[in-house]
C-alpha atoms as a PDB file:
ATOM      1  CA  MET A   1     164.140  41.038 225.565  1.00  0.00           C
ATOM      2  CA  GLY A   2     161.937  42.876 228.017  1.00  0.00           C
ATOM      3  CA  ASP A   3     160.311  41.212 231.008  1.00  0.00           C
ATOM      4  CA  LYS A   4     156.824  41.471 229.490  1.00  0.00           C
ATOM      5  CA  LYS A   5     157.981  39.851 226.233  1.00  0.00           C
ATOM      6  CA  LYS A   6     159.540  36.982 228.198  1.00  0.00           C
ATOM      7  CA  LYS A   7     156.294  36.446 230.097  1.00  0.00           C
ATOM      8  CA  VAL A   8     154.313  36.442 226.862  1.00  0.00           C
ATOM      9  CA  MET A   9     156.658  33.885 225.288  1.00  0.00           C
ATOM     10  CA  ILE A  10     156.582  31.633 228.365  1.00  0.00           C
ATOM     11  CA  PHE A  11     152.788  31.883 228.443  1.00  0.00           C
ATOM     12  CA  LEU A  12     152.443  31.076 224.728  1.00  0.00           C
ATOM     13  CA  LEU A  13     154.866  28.150 224.955  1.00  0.00           C
ATOM     14  CA  ARG A  14     153.053  26.831 228.044  1.00  0.00           C
ATOM     15  CA  VAL A  15     149.632  27.016 226.374  1.00  0.00           C
ATOM     16  CA  ALA A  16     150.928  25.483 223.131  1.00  0.00           C
ATOM     17  CA  MET A  17     152.557  22.595 225.000  1.00  0.00           C
ATOM     18  CA  GLY A  18     149.392  22.217 227.044  1.00  0.00           C
ATOM     19  CA  TRP A  19     147.286  21.948 223.896  1.00  0.00           C
ATOM     20  CA  LEU A  20     149.707  19.393 222.405  1.00  0.00           C
ATOM     21  CA  MET A  21     149.451  17.231 225.524  1.00  0.00           C
ATOM     22  CA  LEU A  22     145.685  17.665 225.917  1.00  0.00           C
ATOM     23  CA  TYR A  23     145.045  16.662 222.325  1.00  0.00           C
ATOM     24  CA  ALA A  24     147.402  13.663 222.578  1.00  0.00           C
ATOM     25  CA  GLY A  25     145.437  12.380 225.563  1.00  0.00           C
ATOM     26  CA  ILE A  26     142.004  13.070 224.121  1.00  0.00           C
ATOM     27  CA  ILE A  27     142.659  11.177 220.899  1.00  0.00           C
ATOM     28  CA  LYS A  28     143.702   8.154 222.964  1.00  0.00           C
ATOM     29  CA  ILE A  29     140.682   8.343 225.256  1.00  0.00           C
ATOM     30  CA  THR A  30     138.214   8.703 222.387  1.00  0.00           C
ATOM     31  CA  ASP A  31     139.639   5.769 220.414  1.00  0.00           C
ATOM     32  CA  PRO A  32     138.206   2.578 221.950  1.00  0.00           C
ATOM     33  CA  LYS A  33     140.806   0.496 220.085  1.00  0.00           C
ATOM     34  CA  TRP A  34     143.801   2.462 221.405  1.00  0.00           C
ATOM     35  CA  SER A  35     146.296   0.669 223.643  1.00  0.00           C
ATOM     36  CA  ALA A  36     149.915   1.255 224.570  1.00  0.00           C
ATOM     37  CA  LYS A  37     150.617  -2.458 224.223  1.00  0.00           C
ATOM     38  CA  GLY A  38     152.136  -2.357 220.733  1.00  0.00           C
ATOM     39  CA  TYR A  39     154.433   0.554 221.601  1.00  0.00           C
ATOM     40  CA  LEU A  40     155.510  -1.098 224.834  1.00  0.00           C
ATOM     41  CA  LEU A  41     156.199  -4.468 223.221  1.00  0.00           C
ATOM     42  CA  SER A  42     158.282  -2.857 220.467  1.00  0.00           C
ATOM     43  CA  ALA A  43     160.685  -1.241 222.960  1.00  0.00           C
ATOM     44  CA  LYS A  44     164.293  -1.437 221.877  1.00  0.00           C
ATOM     45  CA  THR A  45     165.854  -0.182 225.119  1.00  0.00           C
ATOM     46  CA  PHE A  46     164.898  -1.556 228.535  1.00  0.00           C
ATOM     47  CA  SER A  47     162.648  -4.014 226.712  1.00  0.00           C
ATOM     48  CA  GLY A  48     162.138  -6.160 229.820  1.00  0.00           C
ATOM     49  CA  PHE A  49     160.729  -3.189 231.736  1.00  0.00           C
ATOM     50  CA  TYR A  50     158.431  -2.198 228.865  1.00  0.00           C
ATOM     51  CA  GLN A  51     157.279  -5.796 228.361  1.00  0.00           C
ATOM     52  CA  TRP A  52     156.364  -5.836 232.051  1.00  0.00           C
ATOM     53  CA  LEU A  53     154.318  -2.639 231.524  1.00  0.00           C
ATOM     54  CA  ALA A  54     152.550  -4.432 228.644  1.00  0.00           C
ATOM     55  CA  SER A  55     151.680  -7.466 230.779  1.00  0.00           C
ATOM     56  CA  ASP A  56     147.987  -8.204 231.268  1.00  0.00           C
ATOM     57  CA  SER A  57     148.033  -7.141 234.919  1.00  0.00           C
ATOM     58  CA  ILE A  58     149.868  -3.815 234.392  1.00  0.00           C
ATOM     59  CA  LEU A  59     148.635  -2.760 230.938  1.00  0.00           C
ATOM     60  CA  PRO A  60     145.328  -1.271 232.177  1.00  0.00           C
ATOM     61  CA  VAL A  61     147.302   0.994 234.524  1.00  0.00           C
ATOM     62  CA  ALA A  62     149.794   1.910 231.779  1.00  0.00           C
ATOM     63  CA  ASN A  63     146.934   2.695 229.400  1.00  0.00           C
ATOM     64  CA  PHE A  64     145.190   4.827 232.022  1.00  0.00           C
ATOM     65  CA  PHE A  65     148.316   6.917 232.626  1.00  0.00           C
ATOM     66  CA  ASN A  66     148.977   7.197 228.887  1.00  0.00           C
ATOM     67  CA  GLU A  67     145.436   8.457 228.283  1.00  0.00           C
ATOM     68  CA  TRP A  68     144.734  10.629 231.295  1.00  0.00           C
ATOM     69  CA  GLY A  69     148.283  11.760 232.090  1.00  0.00           C
ATOM     70  CA  PRO A  70     148.591  13.939 228.977  1.00  0.00           C
ATOM     71  CA  VAL A  71     145.043  15.270 229.465  1.00  0.00           C
ATOM     72  CA  LEU A  72     145.732  16.364 233.040  1.00  0.00           C
ATOM     73  CA  ILE A  73     149.158  17.750 232.156  1.00  0.00           C
ATOM     74  CA  GLY A  74     147.626  19.626 229.238  1.00  0.00           C
ATOM     75  CA  VAL A  75     144.839  21.164 231.298  1.00  0.00           C
ATOM     76  CA  SER A  76     147.335  22.119 234.001  1.00  0.00           C
ATOM     77  CA  LEU A  77     149.585  23.873 231.500  1.00  0.00           C
ATOM     78  CA  ILE A  78     146.747  25.662 229.718  1.00  0.00           C
ATOM     79  CA  VAL A  79     145.208  27.106 232.879  1.00  0.00           C
ATOM     80  CA  GLY A  80     148.564  27.503 234.624  1.00  0.00           C
ATOM     81  CA  LEU A  81     147.655  25.548 237.745  1.00  0.00           C
ATOM     82  CA  TRP A  82     150.074  23.155 239.476  1.00  0.00           C
ATOM     83  CA  VAL A  83     152.518  23.687 236.606  1.00  0.00           C
ATOM     84  CA  LYS A  84     155.569  22.536 238.578  1.00  0.00           C
ATOM     85  CA  ILE A  85     153.935  19.162 239.288  1.00  0.00           C
ATOM     86  CA  SER A  86     152.638  18.768 235.739  1.00  0.00           C
ATOM     87  CA  SER A  87     156.056  19.742 234.344  1.00  0.00           C
ATOM     88  CA  LEU A  88     157.800  17.014 236.334  1.00  0.00           C
ATOM     89  CA  SER A  89     155.073  14.555 235.346  1.00  0.00           C
ATOM     90  CA  GLY A  90     155.388  15.545 231.697  1.00  0.00           C
ATOM     91  CA  ALA A  91     159.174  15.181 231.751  1.00  0.00           C
ATOM     92  CA  LEU A  92     158.844  11.715 233.294  1.00  0.00           C
ATOM     93  CA  LEU A  93     156.252  10.697 230.714  1.00  0.00           C
ATOM     94  CA  MET A  94     158.502  11.893 227.878  1.00  0.00           C
ATOM     95  CA  ILE A  95     161.445   9.930 229.295  1.00  0.00           C
ATOM     96  CA  LEU A  96     159.241   6.839 229.311  1.00  0.00           C
ATOM     97  CA  TYR A  97     158.255   7.539 225.679  1.00  0.00           C
ATOM     98  CA  TYR A  98     161.867   8.153 224.608  1.00  0.00           C
ATOM     99  CA  PHE A  99     163.542   4.905 225.620  1.00  0.00           C
ATOM    100  CA  PRO A 100     161.400   2.442 223.650  1.00  0.00           C
ATOM    101  CA  ILE A 101     162.500   4.033 220.355  1.00  0.00           C
ATOM    102  CA  LEU A 102     166.137   4.524 221.348  1.00  0.00           C
ATOM    103  CA  VAL A 103     168.745   2.324 219.720  1.00  0.00           C
ATOM    104  CA  PHE A 104     171.673   4.373 220.934  1.00  0.00           C
ATOM    105  CA  PRO A 105     172.698   6.715 219.433  1.00  0.00           C
ATOM    106  CA  TYR A 106     169.634   6.717 217.169  1.00  0.00           C
ATOM    107  CA  ALA A 107     166.295   7.854 218.548  1.00  0.00           C
ATOM    108  CA  GLY A 108     163.787   6.569 216.046  1.00  0.00           C
ATOM    109  CA  GLU A 109     164.367   6.560 212.314  1.00  0.00           C
ATOM    110  CA  HIS A 110     165.176  10.243 211.838  1.00  0.00           C
ATOM    111  CA  SER A 111     167.005  11.398 214.970  1.00  0.00           C
ATOM    112  CA  TYR A 112     170.479  11.128 216.405  1.00  0.00           C
ATOM    113  CA  ILE A 113     170.265  11.121 220.229  1.00  0.00           C
ATOM    114  CA  VAL A 114     167.907  14.122 220.357  1.00  0.00           C
ATOM    115  CA  ASP A 115     164.336  13.724 219.148  1.00  0.00           C
ATOM    116  CA  GLU A 116     161.088  15.503 219.982  1.00  0.00           C
ATOM    117  CA  HIS A 117     160.851  13.756 223.355  1.00  0.00           C
ATOM    118  CA  ILE A 118     164.140  15.323 224.475  1.00  0.00           C
ATOM    119  CA  ILE A 119     162.911  18.746 223.329  1.00  0.00           C
ATOM    120  CA  TYR A 120     159.674  18.246 225.284  1.00  0.00           C
ATOM    121  CA  ILE A 121     161.658  17.195 228.363  1.00  0.00           C
ATOM    122  CA  LEU A 122     163.727  20.372 228.134  1.00  0.00           C
ATOM    123  CA  VAL A 123     160.588  22.499 227.761  1.00  0.00           C
ATOM    124  CA  PHE A 124     159.054  20.841 230.817  1.00  0.00           C
ATOM    125  CA  ILE A 125     162.261  21.477 232.776  1.00  0.00           C
ATOM    126  CA  LEU A 126     162.141  25.106 231.641  1.00  0.00           C
ATOM    127  CA  PHE A 127     158.536  25.413 232.859  1.00  0.00           C
ATOM    128  CA  PHE A 128     159.547  23.926 236.196  1.00  0.00           C
ATOM    129  CA  ALA A 129     162.599  26.176 236.581  1.00  0.00           C
ATOM    130  CA  LEU A 130     160.722  29.344 235.638  1.00  0.00           C
ATOM    131  CA  ASN A 131     157.606  28.447 237.629  1.00  0.00           C
ATOM    132  CA  ALA A 132     155.735  29.063 234.379  1.00  0.00           C
ATOM    133  CA  GLY A 133     152.297  28.897 235.996  1.00  0.00           C
ATOM    134  CA  ARG A 134     152.934  32.324 237.493  1.00  0.00           C
ATOM    135  CA  HIS A 135     152.880  33.910 234.031  1.00  0.00           C
ATOM    136  CA  TRP A 136     149.170  34.566 233.453  1.00  0.00           C
ATOM    137  CA  GLY A 137     148.216  31.303 235.104  1.00  0.00           C
ATOM    138  CA  LEU A 138     146.257  30.257 238.166  1.00  0.00           C
ATOM    139  CA  ASP A 139     149.486  29.453 240.003  1.00  0.00           C
ATOM    140  CA  SER A 140     150.031  33.211 240.373  1.00  0.00           C
ATOM    141  CA  TYR A 141     146.790  33.413 242.331  1.00  0.00           C
ATOM    142  CA  ARG A 142     147.309  30.167 244.245  1.00  0.00           C
ATOM    143  CA  LEU A 143     150.882  31.030 245.245  1.00  0.00           C
ATOM    144  CA  SER A 144     150.097  34.637 246.184  1.00  0.00           C
ATOM    145  CA  ARG A 145     147.614  33.447 248.831  1.00  0.00           C
ATOM    146  CA  LYS A 146     150.283  31.582 250.828  1.00  0.00           C
END
């Protein structure tokens, strides 16, 4: 595959992942009834940690990061700015989403070890490793000025 084709594919994957994250955050923000509490309390792995995140004093912070984290990651990926930071943030967020549904070796009802969260983590790692914001993103401009 030629260099230009690789750049196009990285760009398209970055924008698609950005849209997925942006939309996931927006639907949480616009739903006044949304809360992470139910998901956190249903955690099957590291349940003590997730119950702590669902506690009355921490839940507002957890909700904020669950709403605005995907929005900021999504915008970052779409415009290609600070993609390395957003990729690490996205991978961390996906790890935090993965463990509550994990009853090793089953990840949710329809997956064996690998589910969509693992795929997303790998895509975020790919973006980080390839510095994907340099492919038709604002990182190319920001990094060229240094």
